[in-house]
Protein backbone atom coordinates (compact mmCIF):
# COMPACT_ATOMS: atom_id res chain seq x y z
CA UNK A 1 0.00 0.00 0.00
CA UNK A 2 1.24 3.48 -0.92
CA UNK A 3 -0.06 6.75 0.44
CA UNK A 4 0.10 10.51 0.62
CA UNK A 5 -1.26 13.36 2.67
CA UNK A 6 -2.43 16.25 0.50
CA UNK A 7 -2.81 19.71 2.03
CA UNK A 8 -5.32 21.73 0.00
CA UNK A 9 -5.84 25.48 -0.23
CA UNK A 10 -9.25 26.48 -1.55
CA UNK A 11 -10.41 29.50 -3.51
CA UNK A 12 -12.13 32.08 -1.32
CA UNK A 13 -15.61 31.66 -2.81
CA UNK A 14 -15.58 27.85 -3.07
CA UNK A 15 -18.77 25.92 -2.29
CA UNK A 16 -17.52 23.89 0.68
CA UNK A 17 -20.23 21.22 0.54
CA UNK A 18 -19.60 20.59 -3.16
CA UNK A 19 -15.84 20.66 -2.65
CA UNK A 20 -16.07 18.10 0.16
CA UNK A 21 -18.30 15.83 -1.96
CA UNK A 22 -16.06 16.15 -5.03
CA UNK A 23 -12.88 15.40 -3.08
CA UNK A 24 -14.51 12.29 -1.60
CA UNK A 25 -15.36 11.28 -5.18
CA UNK A 26 -11.71 11.15 -6.25
CA UNK A 27 -10.51 7.55 -6.57
CA UNK A 28 -8.23 6.49 -3.69
CA UNK A 29 -9.10 9.47 -1.46
CA UNK A 30 -9.91 7.71 1.81
CA UNK A 31 -10.57 10.67 4.14
CA UNK A 32 -11.23 14.39 3.75
CA UNK A 33 -10.77 16.77 6.70
CA UNK A 34 -11.95 20.38 6.67
CA UNK A 35 -9.47 22.34 8.81
CA UNK A 36 -9.07 25.66 10.58
CA UNK A 37 -5.69 27.32 10.13
CA UNK A 38 -3.33 27.93 7.22
CA UNK A 39 -4.43 24.73 5.44
CA UNK A 40 -8.10 24.50 4.46
CA UNK A 41 -8.44 20.77 3.71
CA UNK A 42 -6.42 17.61 4.27
CA UNK A 43 -6.94 14.57 2.05
CA UNK A 44 -5.62 11.13 2.95
CA UNK A 45 -4.79 9.11 -0.17
CA UNK A 46 -4.13 5.35 -0.17
CA UNK A 47 -3.63 3.17 -3.24
CA UNK A 48 -2.06 -0.08 -4.37
CA UNK A 49 0.84 1.62 -6.16
CA UNK A 50 2.55 5.00 -6.45
CA UNK A 51 1.15 5.68 -9.93
CA UNK A 52 -2.37 5.48 -8.49
CA UNK A 53 -1.39 7.83 -5.65
CA UNK A 54 0.01 10.34 -8.15
CA UNK A 55 -3.16 10.06 -10.27
CA UNK A 56 -5.27 10.82 -7.19
CA UNK A 57 -3.14 13.87 -6.35
CA UNK A 58 -3.52 15.15 -9.92
CA UNK A 59 -7.30 14.58 -9.74
CA UNK A 60 -7.49 16.51 -6.45
CA UNK A 61 -5.78 19.45 -8.19
CA UNK A 62 -8.49 19.45 -10.88
CA UNK A 63 -11.42 19.64 -8.42
CA UNK A 64 -13.29 22.92 -8.77
CA UNK A 65 -12.52 25.21 -5.85
CA UNK A 66 -8.99 23.88 -5.27
CA UNK A 67 -6.47 26.71 -5.54
CA UNK A 68 -3.30 24.75 -4.71
CA UNK A 69 -1.99 21.57 -3.11
CA UNK A 70 1.06 20.57 -1.08
CA UNK A 71 1.70 16.82 -1.00
CA UNK A 72 3.67 14.61 1.40
CA UNK A 73 4.25 11.04 0.28
CA UNK A 74 4.16 8.55 3.16
CA UNK A 75 7.40 6.59 3.54
CA UNK A 76 6.36 4.29 6.38
CA UNK A 77 3.61 3.73 8.93
CA UNK A 78 4.31 2.48 12.45
PDB file of N, CA and C in Angstrom:
ATOM      1  N   UNK A   1       0.851  -1.185   0.000  1.00  0.00           N
ATOM      2  CA  UNK A   1       0.000   0.000   0.000  1.00  0.00           C
ATOM      3  C   UNK A   1       0.891   1.240   0.000  1.00  0.00           C
ATOM      4  N   UNK A   2       0.545   2.203  -0.827  1.00  0.00           N
ATOM      5  CA  UNK A   2       1.244   3.483  -0.924  1.00  0.00           C
ATOM      6  C   UNK A   2       0.285   4.578  -0.484  1.00  0.00           C
ATOM      7  N   UNK A   3       0.828   5.695  -0.008  1.00  0.00           N
ATOM      8  CA  UNK A   3      -0.062   6.749   0.441  1.00  0.00           C
ATOM      9  C   UNK A   3       0.553   8.126   0.389  1.00  0.00           C
ATOM     10  N   UNK A   4      -0.313   9.112   0.574  1.00  0.00           N
ATOM     11  CA  UNK A   4       0.103  10.507   0.623  1.00  0.00           C
ATOM     12  C   UNK A   4      -0.900  11.292   1.450  1.00  0.00           C
ATOM     13  N   UNK A   5      -0.413  12.373   2.011  1.00  0.00           N
ATOM     14  CA  UNK A   5      -1.258  13.359   2.673  1.00  0.00           C
ATOM     15  C   UNK A   5      -1.201  14.605   1.797  1.00  0.00           C
ATOM     16  N   UNK A   6      -2.369  15.095   1.402  1.00  0.00           N
ATOM     17  CA  UNK A   6      -2.435  16.246   0.505  1.00  0.00           C
ATOM     18  C   UNK A   6      -3.079  17.410   1.251  1.00  0.00           C
ATOM     19  N   UNK A   7      -2.315  18.484   1.424  1.00  0.00           N
ATOM     20  CA  UNK A   7      -2.813  19.707   2.034  1.00  0.00           C
ATOM     21  C   UNK A   7      -3.375  20.573   0.910  1.00  0.00           C
ATOM     22  N   UNK A   8      -4.610  21.023   1.068  1.00  0.00           N
ATOM     23  CA  UNK A   8      -5.315  21.734  -0.001  1.00  0.00           C
ATOM     24  C   UNK A   8      -5.662  23.147   0.450  1.00  0.00           C
ATOM     25  N   UNK A   9      -5.367  24.109  -0.409  1.00  0.00           N
ATOM     26  CA  UNK A   9      -5.836  25.482  -0.233  1.00  0.00           C
ATOM     27  C   UNK A   9      -7.008  25.668  -1.186  1.00  0.00           C
ATOM     28  N   UNK A  10      -8.077  26.283  -0.699  1.00  0.00           N
ATOM     29  CA  UNK A  10      -9.253  26.478  -1.548  1.00  0.00           C
ATOM     30  C   UNK A  10      -9.366  27.933  -1.977  1.00  0.00           C
ATOM     31  N   UNK A  11     -10.119  28.137  -3.062  1.00  0.00           N
ATOM     32  CA  UNK A  11     -10.414  29.500  -3.508  1.00  0.00           C
ATOM     33  C   UNK A  11     -11.401  30.114  -2.519  1.00  0.00           C
ATOM     34  N   UNK A  12     -11.320  31.406  -2.317  1.00  0.00           N
ATOM     35  CA  UNK A  12     -12.131  32.079  -1.316  1.00  0.00           C
ATOM     36  C   UNK A  12     -13.625  31.855  -1.417  1.00  0.00           C
ATOM     37  N   UNK A  13     -14.159  31.773  -2.631  1.00  0.00           N
ATOM     38  CA  UNK A  13     -15.609  31.663  -2.806  1.00  0.00           C
ATOM     39  C   UNK A  13     -16.057  30.233  -3.093  1.00  0.00           C
ATOM     40  N   UNK A  14     -15.246  29.253  -2.757  1.00  0.00           N
ATOM     41  CA  UNK A  14     -15.577  27.853  -3.066  1.00  0.00           C
ATOM     42  C   UNK A  14     -16.807  27.394  -2.290  1.00  0.00           C
ATOM     43  N   UNK A  15     -17.619  26.569  -2.929  1.00  0.00           N
ATOM     44  CA  UNK A  15     -18.772  25.924  -2.292  1.00  0.00           C
ATOM     45  C   UNK A  15     -18.221  24.752  -1.481  1.00  0.00           C
ATOM     46  N   UNK A  16     -18.175  24.894  -0.164  1.00  0.00           N
ATOM     47  CA  UNK A  16     -17.518  23.894   0.683  1.00  0.00           C
ATOM     48  C   UNK A  16     -18.199  22.535   0.640  1.00  0.00           C
ATOM     49  N   UNK A  17     -19.520  22.511   0.595  1.00  0.00           N
ATOM     50  CA  UNK A  17     -20.229  21.224   0.544  1.00  0.00           C
ATOM     51  C   UNK A  17     -19.910  20.488  -0.756  1.00  0.00           C
ATOM     52  N   UNK A  18     -19.922  21.206  -1.872  1.00  0.00           N
ATOM     53  CA  UNK A  18     -19.604  20.588  -3.164  1.00  0.00           C
ATOM     54  C   UNK A  18     -18.145  20.166  -3.212  1.00  0.00           C
ATOM     55  N   UNK A  19     -17.267  20.995  -2.681  1.00  0.00           N
ATOM     56  CA  UNK A  19     -15.842  20.660  -2.650  1.00  0.00           C
ATOM     57  C   UNK A  19     -15.608  19.376  -1.865  1.00  0.00           C
ATOM     58  N   UNK A  20     -16.207  19.287  -0.687  1.00  0.00           N
ATOM     59  CA  UNK A  20     -16.070  18.099   0.158  1.00  0.00           C
ATOM     60  C   UNK A  20     -16.560  16.860  -0.583  1.00  0.00           C
ATOM     61  N   UNK A  21     -17.728  16.953  -1.205  1.00  0.00           N
ATOM     62  CA  UNK A  21     -18.298  15.831  -1.958  1.00  0.00           C
ATOM     63  C   UNK A  21     -17.393  15.440  -3.128  1.00  0.00           C
ATOM     64  N   UNK A  22     -16.900  16.428  -3.866  1.00  0.00           N
ATOM     65  CA  UNK A  22     -16.064  16.148  -5.031  1.00  0.00           C
ATOM     66  C   UNK A  22     -14.715  15.551  -4.643  1.00  0.00           C
ATOM     67  N   UNK A  23     -14.142  15.990  -3.537  1.00  0.00           N
ATOM     68  CA  UNK A  23     -12.878  15.401  -3.076  1.00  0.00           C
ATOM     69  C   UNK A  23     -13.089  13.953  -2.657  1.00  0.00           C
ATOM     70  N   UNK A  24     -14.197  13.676  -1.975  1.00  0.00           N
ATOM     71  CA  UNK A  24     -14.513  12.288  -1.604  1.00  0.00           C
ATOM     72  C   UNK A  24     -14.721  11.415  -2.837  1.00  0.00           C
ATOM     73  N   UNK A  25     -15.123  12.029  -3.950  1.00  0.00           N
ATOM     74  CA  UNK A  25     -15.361  11.284  -5.176  1.00  0.00           C
ATOM     75  C   UNK A  25     -14.109  10.917  -5.955  1.00  0.00           C
ATOM     76  N   UNK A  26     -12.962  11.462  -5.560  1.00  0.00           N
ATOM     77  CA  UNK A  26     -11.706  11.145  -6.246  1.00  0.00           C
ATOM     78  C   UNK A  26     -11.274   9.734  -5.851  1.00  0.00           C
ATOM     79  N   UNK A  27     -10.958   8.924  -6.840  1.00  0.00           N
ATOM     80  CA  UNK A  27     -10.506   7.552  -6.574  1.00  0.00           C
ATOM     81  C   UNK A  27      -9.288   7.560  -5.659  1.00  0.00           C
ATOM     82  N   UNK A  28      -9.305   6.705  -4.659  1.00  0.00           N
ATOM     83  CA  UNK A  28      -8.226   6.490  -3.692  1.00  0.00           C
ATOM     84  C   UNK A  28      -8.119   7.561  -2.607  1.00  0.00           C
ATOM     85  N   UNK A  29      -9.031   8.548  -2.594  1.00  0.00           N
ATOM     86  CA  UNK A  29      -9.102   9.471  -1.458  1.00  0.00           C
ATOM     87  C   UNK A  29      -9.910   8.764  -0.385  1.00  0.00           C
ATOM     88  N   UNK A  30      -9.270   8.483   0.745  1.00  0.00           N
ATOM     89  CA  UNK A  30      -9.913   7.713   1.812  1.00  0.00           C
ATOM     90  C   UNK A  30     -10.591   8.590   2.852  1.00  0.00           C
ATOM     91  N   UNK A  31     -10.012   9.766   3.121  1.00  0.00           N
ATOM     92  CA  UNK A  31     -10.566  10.672   4.137  1.00  0.00           C
ATOM     93  C   UNK A  31     -10.359  12.109   3.685  1.00  0.00           C
ATOM     94  N   UNK A  32     -11.312  12.962   4.038  1.00  0.00           N
ATOM     95  CA  UNK A  32     -11.229  14.393   3.752  1.00  0.00           C
ATOM     96  C   UNK A  32     -11.523  15.132   5.050  1.00  0.00           C
ATOM     97  N   UNK A  33     -10.609  15.992   5.466  1.00  0.00           N
ATOM     98  CA  UNK A  33     -10.773  16.769   6.697  1.00  0.00           C
ATOM     99  C   UNK A  33     -10.827  18.249   6.347  1.00  0.00           C
ATOM    100  N   UNK A  34     -11.874  18.935   6.778  1.00  0.00           N
ATOM    101  CA  UNK A  34     -11.949  20.385   6.665  1.00  0.00           C
ATOM    102  C   UNK A  34     -11.252  20.937   7.906  1.00  0.00           C
ATOM    103  N   UNK A  35     -10.322  21.875   7.726  1.00  0.00           N
ATOM    104  CA  UNK A  35      -9.472  22.340   8.814  1.00  0.00           C
ATOM    105  C   UNK A  35      -9.624  23.837   9.058  1.00  0.00           C
ATOM    106  N   UNK A  36      -9.248  24.249  10.258  1.00  0.00           N
ATOM    107  CA  UNK A  36      -9.074  25.657  10.580  1.00  0.00           C
ATOM    108  C   UNK A  36      -7.574  25.900  10.648  1.00  0.00           C
ATOM    109  N   UNK A  37      -7.120  27.029  10.126  1.00  0.00           N
ATOM    110  CA  UNK A  37      -5.692  27.323  10.126  1.00  0.00           C
ATOM    111  C   UNK A  37      -5.200  27.610   8.721  1.00  0.00           C
ATOM    112  N   UNK A  38      -3.887  27.559   8.522  1.00  0.00           N
ATOM    113  CA  UNK A  38      -3.326  27.927   7.218  1.00  0.00           C
ATOM    114  C   UNK A  38      -3.661  26.950   6.092  1.00  0.00           C
ATOM    115  N   UNK A  39      -4.001  25.717   6.430  1.00  0.00           N
ATOM    116  CA  UNK A  39      -4.432  24.730   5.440  1.00  0.00           C
ATOM    117  C   UNK A  39      -5.939  24.561   5.567  1.00  0.00           C
ATOM    118  N   UNK A  40      -6.644  24.579   4.439  1.00  0.00           N
ATOM    119  CA  UNK A  40      -8.101  24.496   4.458  1.00  0.00           C
ATOM    120  C   UNK A  40      -8.625  23.066   4.540  1.00  0.00           C
ATOM    121  N   UNK A  41      -7.969  22.150   3.813  1.00  0.00           N
ATOM    122  CA  UNK A  41      -8.444  20.769   3.705  1.00  0.00           C
ATOM    123  C   UNK A  41      -7.246  19.835   3.712  1.00  0.00           C
ATOM    124  N   UNK A  42      -7.418  18.670   4.319  1.00  0.00           N
ATOM    125  CA  UNK A  42      -6.415  17.612   4.273  1.00  0.00           C
ATOM    126  C   UNK A  42      -7.075  16.376   3.678  1.00  0.00           C
ATOM    127  N   UNK A  43      -6.445  15.804   2.663  1.00  0.00           N
ATOM    128  CA  UNK A  43      -6.938  14.567   2.048  1.00  0.00           C
ATOM    129  C   UNK A  43      -5.941  13.451   2.313  1.00  0.00           C
ATOM    130  N   UNK A  44      -6.445  12.320   2.759  1.00  0.00           N
ATOM    131  CA  UNK A  44      -5.622  11.133   2.950  1.00  0.00           C
ATOM    132  C   UNK A  44      -5.827  10.234   1.736  1.00  0.00           C
ATOM    133  N   UNK A  45      -4.737   9.923   1.040  1.00  0.00           N
ATOM    134  CA  UNK A  45      -4.789   9.113  -0.173  1.00  0.00           C
ATOM    135  C   UNK A  45      -4.082   7.791   0.087  1.00  0.00           C
ATOM    136  N   UNK A  46      -4.731   6.686  -0.261  1.00  0.00           N
ATOM    137  CA  UNK A  46      -4.129   5.352  -0.165  1.00  0.00           C
ATOM    138  C   UNK A  46      -4.444   4.594  -1.446  1.00  0.00           C
ATOM    139  N   UNK A  47      -3.425   3.931  -2.005  1.00  0.00           N
ATOM    140  CA  UNK A  47      -3.628   3.174  -3.240  1.00  0.00           C
ATOM    141  C   UNK A  47      -2.651   2.009  -3.290  1.00  0.00           C
ATOM    142  N   UNK A  48      -2.884   1.120  -4.233  1.00  0.00           N
ATOM    143  CA  UNK A  48      -2.063  -0.082  -4.367  1.00  0.00           C
ATOM    144  C   UNK A  48      -0.651   0.231  -4.844  1.00  0.00           C
ATOM    145  N   UNK A  49      -0.489   1.306  -5.616  1.00  0.00           N
ATOM    146  CA  UNK A  49       0.836   1.623  -6.157  1.00  0.00           C
ATOM    147  C   UNK A  49       1.007   3.137  -6.251  1.00  0.00           C
ATOM    148  N   UNK A  50       2.251   3.571  -6.437  1.00  0.00           N
ATOM    149  CA  UNK A  50       2.554   5.000  -6.446  1.00  0.00           C
ATOM    150  C   UNK A  50       1.916   5.711  -7.639  1.00  0.00           C
ATOM    151  N   UNK A  51       1.810   5.054  -8.781  1.00  0.00           N
ATOM    152  CA  UNK A  51       1.152   5.684  -9.930  1.00  0.00           C
ATOM    153  C   UNK A  51      -0.288   6.060  -9.598  1.00  0.00           C
ATOM    154  N   UNK A  52      -0.985   5.199  -8.878  1.00  0.00           N
ATOM    155  CA  UNK A  52      -2.370   5.483  -8.490  1.00  0.00           C
ATOM    156  C   UNK A  52      -2.441   6.621  -7.485  1.00  0.00           C
ATOM    157  N   UNK A  53      -1.455   6.714  -6.600  1.00  0.00           N
ATOM    158  CA  UNK A  53      -1.394   7.833  -5.654  1.00  0.00           C
ATOM    159  C   UNK A  53      -1.199   9.137  -6.422  1.00  0.00           C
ATOM    160  N   UNK A  54      -0.257   9.139  -7.349  1.00  0.00           N
ATOM    161  CA  UNK A  54       0.005  10.340  -8.150  1.00  0.00           C
ATOM    162  C   UNK A  54      -1.235  10.728  -8.953  1.00  0.00           C
ATOM    163  N   UNK A  55      -1.925   9.765  -9.525  1.00  0.00           N
ATOM    164  CA  UNK A  55      -3.155  10.058 -10.271  1.00  0.00           C
ATOM    165  C   UNK A  55      -4.206  10.698  -9.373  1.00  0.00           C
ATOM    166  N   UNK A  56      -4.318  10.233  -8.131  1.00  0.00           N
ATOM    167  CA  UNK A  56      -5.270  10.824  -7.187  1.00  0.00           C
ATOM    168  C   UNK A  56      -4.888  12.264  -6.866  1.00  0.00           C
ATOM    169  N   UNK A  57      -3.605  12.508  -6.647  1.00  0.00           N
ATOM    170  CA  UNK A  57      -3.145  13.872  -6.354  1.00  0.00           C
ATOM    171  C   UNK A  57      -3.464  14.795  -7.529  1.00  0.00           C
ATOM    172  N   UNK A  58      -3.217  14.335  -8.735  1.00  0.00           N
ATOM    173  CA  UNK A  58      -3.521  15.147  -9.920  1.00  0.00           C
ATOM    174  C   UNK A  58      -5.026  15.400 -10.040  1.00  0.00           C
ATOM    175  N   UNK A  59      -5.839  14.410  -9.698  1.00  0.00           N
ATOM    176  CA  UNK A  59      -7.297  14.576  -9.739  1.00  0.00           C
ATOM    177  C   UNK A  59      -7.762  15.576  -8.682  1.00  0.00           C
ATOM    178  N   UNK A  60      -7.159  15.539  -7.498  1.00  0.00           N
ATOM    179  CA  UNK A  60      -7.490  16.515  -6.450  1.00  0.00           C
ATOM    180  C   UNK A  60      -7.234  17.924  -6.972  1.00  0.00           C
ATOM    181  N   UNK A  61      -6.128  18.124  -7.657  1.00  0.00           N
ATOM    182  CA  UNK A  61      -5.780  19.449  -8.187  1.00  0.00           C
ATOM    183  C   UNK A  61      -6.803  19.960  -9.191  1.00  0.00           C
ATOM    184  N   UNK A  62      -7.503  19.056  -9.864  1.00  0.00           N
ATOM    185  CA  UNK A  62      -8.490  19.449 -10.879  1.00  0.00           C
ATOM    186  C   UNK A  62      -9.886  19.715 -10.303  1.00  0.00           C
ATOM    187  N   UNK A  63     -10.101  19.414  -9.029  1.00  0.00           N
ATOM    188  CA  UNK A  63     -11.421  19.636  -8.422  1.00  0.00           C
ATOM    189  C   UNK A  63     -11.705  21.138  -8.366  1.00  0.00           C
ATOM    190  N   UNK A  64     -12.905  21.510  -8.799  1.00  0.00           N
ATOM    191  CA  UNK A  64     -13.287  22.919  -8.774  1.00  0.00           C
ATOM    192  C   UNK A  64     -13.258  23.443  -7.344  1.00  0.00           C
ATOM    193  N   UNK A  65     -12.644  24.607  -7.163  1.00  0.00           N
ATOM    194  CA  UNK A  65     -12.516  25.212  -5.846  1.00  0.00           C
ATOM    195  C   UNK A  65     -11.146  25.019  -5.233  1.00  0.00           C
ATOM    196  N   UNK A  66     -10.348  24.097  -5.769  1.00  0.00           N
ATOM    197  CA  UNK A  66      -8.989  23.876  -5.266  1.00  0.00           C
ATOM    198  C   UNK A  66      -8.072  24.918  -5.902  1.00  0.00           C
ATOM    199  N   UNK A  67      -7.399  25.700  -5.050  1.00  0.00           N
ATOM    200  CA  UNK A  67      -6.466  26.714  -5.537  1.00  0.00           C
ATOM    201  C   UNK A  67      -5.060  26.142  -5.666  1.00  0.00           C
ATOM    202  N   UNK A  68      -4.636  25.335  -4.675  1.00  0.00           N
ATOM    203  CA  UNK A  68      -3.298  24.749  -4.708  1.00  0.00           C
ATOM    204  C   UNK A  68      -3.239  23.550  -3.773  1.00  0.00           C
ATOM    205  N   UNK A  69      -2.211  22.731  -3.975  1.00  0.00           N
ATOM    206  CA  UNK A  69      -1.992  21.571  -3.110  1.00  0.00           C
ATOM    207  C   UNK A  69      -0.531  21.512  -2.698  1.00  0.00           C
ATOM    208  N   UNK A  70      -0.288  20.839  -1.592  1.00  0.00           N
ATOM    209  CA  UNK A  70       1.059  20.572  -1.082  1.00  0.00           C
ATOM    210  C   UNK A  70       1.030  19.125  -0.604  1.00  0.00           C
ATOM    211  N   UNK A  71       1.808  18.259  -1.222  1.00  0.00           N
ATOM    212  CA  UNK A  71       1.700  16.817  -0.998  1.00  0.00           C
ATOM    213  C   UNK A  71       2.908  16.273  -0.259  1.00  0.00           C
ATOM    214  N   UNK A  72       2.624  15.360   0.686  1.00  0.00           N
ATOM    215  CA  UNK A  72       3.666  14.610   1.399  1.00  0.00           C
ATOM    216  C   UNK A  72       3.415  13.135   1.151  1.00  0.00           C
ATOM    217  N   UNK A  73       4.371  12.476   0.509  1.00  0.00           N
ATOM    218  CA  UNK A  73       4.252  11.040   0.279  1.00  0.00           C
ATOM    219  C   UNK A  73       4.675  10.298   1.538  1.00  0.00           C
ATOM    220  N   UNK A  74       3.912   9.302   1.929  1.00  0.00           N
ATOM    221  CA  UNK A  74       4.163   8.549   3.159  1.00  0.00           C
ATOM    222  C   UNK A  74       5.238   7.505   2.892  1.00  0.00           C
ATOM    223  N   UNK A  75       6.294   7.534   3.694  1.00  0.00           N
ATOM    224  CA  UNK A  75       7.396   6.587   3.542  1.00  0.00           C
ATOM    225  C   UNK A  75       7.175   5.317   4.343  1.00  0.00           C
ATOM    226  N   UNK A  76       6.631   5.471   5.548  1.00  0.00           N
ATOM    227  CA  UNK A  76       6.356   4.292   6.377  1.00  0.00           C
ATOM    228  C   UNK A  76       5.297   4.633   7.410  1.00  0.00           C
ATOM    229  N   UNK A  77       4.635   3.586   7.899  1.00  0.00           N
ATOM    230  CA  UNK A  77       3.607   3.726   8.931  1.00  0.00           C
ATOM    231  C   UNK A  77       3.981   2.793  10.067  1.00  0.00           C
ATOM    232  N   UNK A  78       3.947   3.298  11.285  1.00  0.00           N
ATOM    233  CA  UNK A  78       4.314   2.481  12.455  1.00  0.00           C
ATOM    234  C   UNK A  78       3.143   2.334  13.390  1.00  0.00           C
TER     235      UNK A  78
END
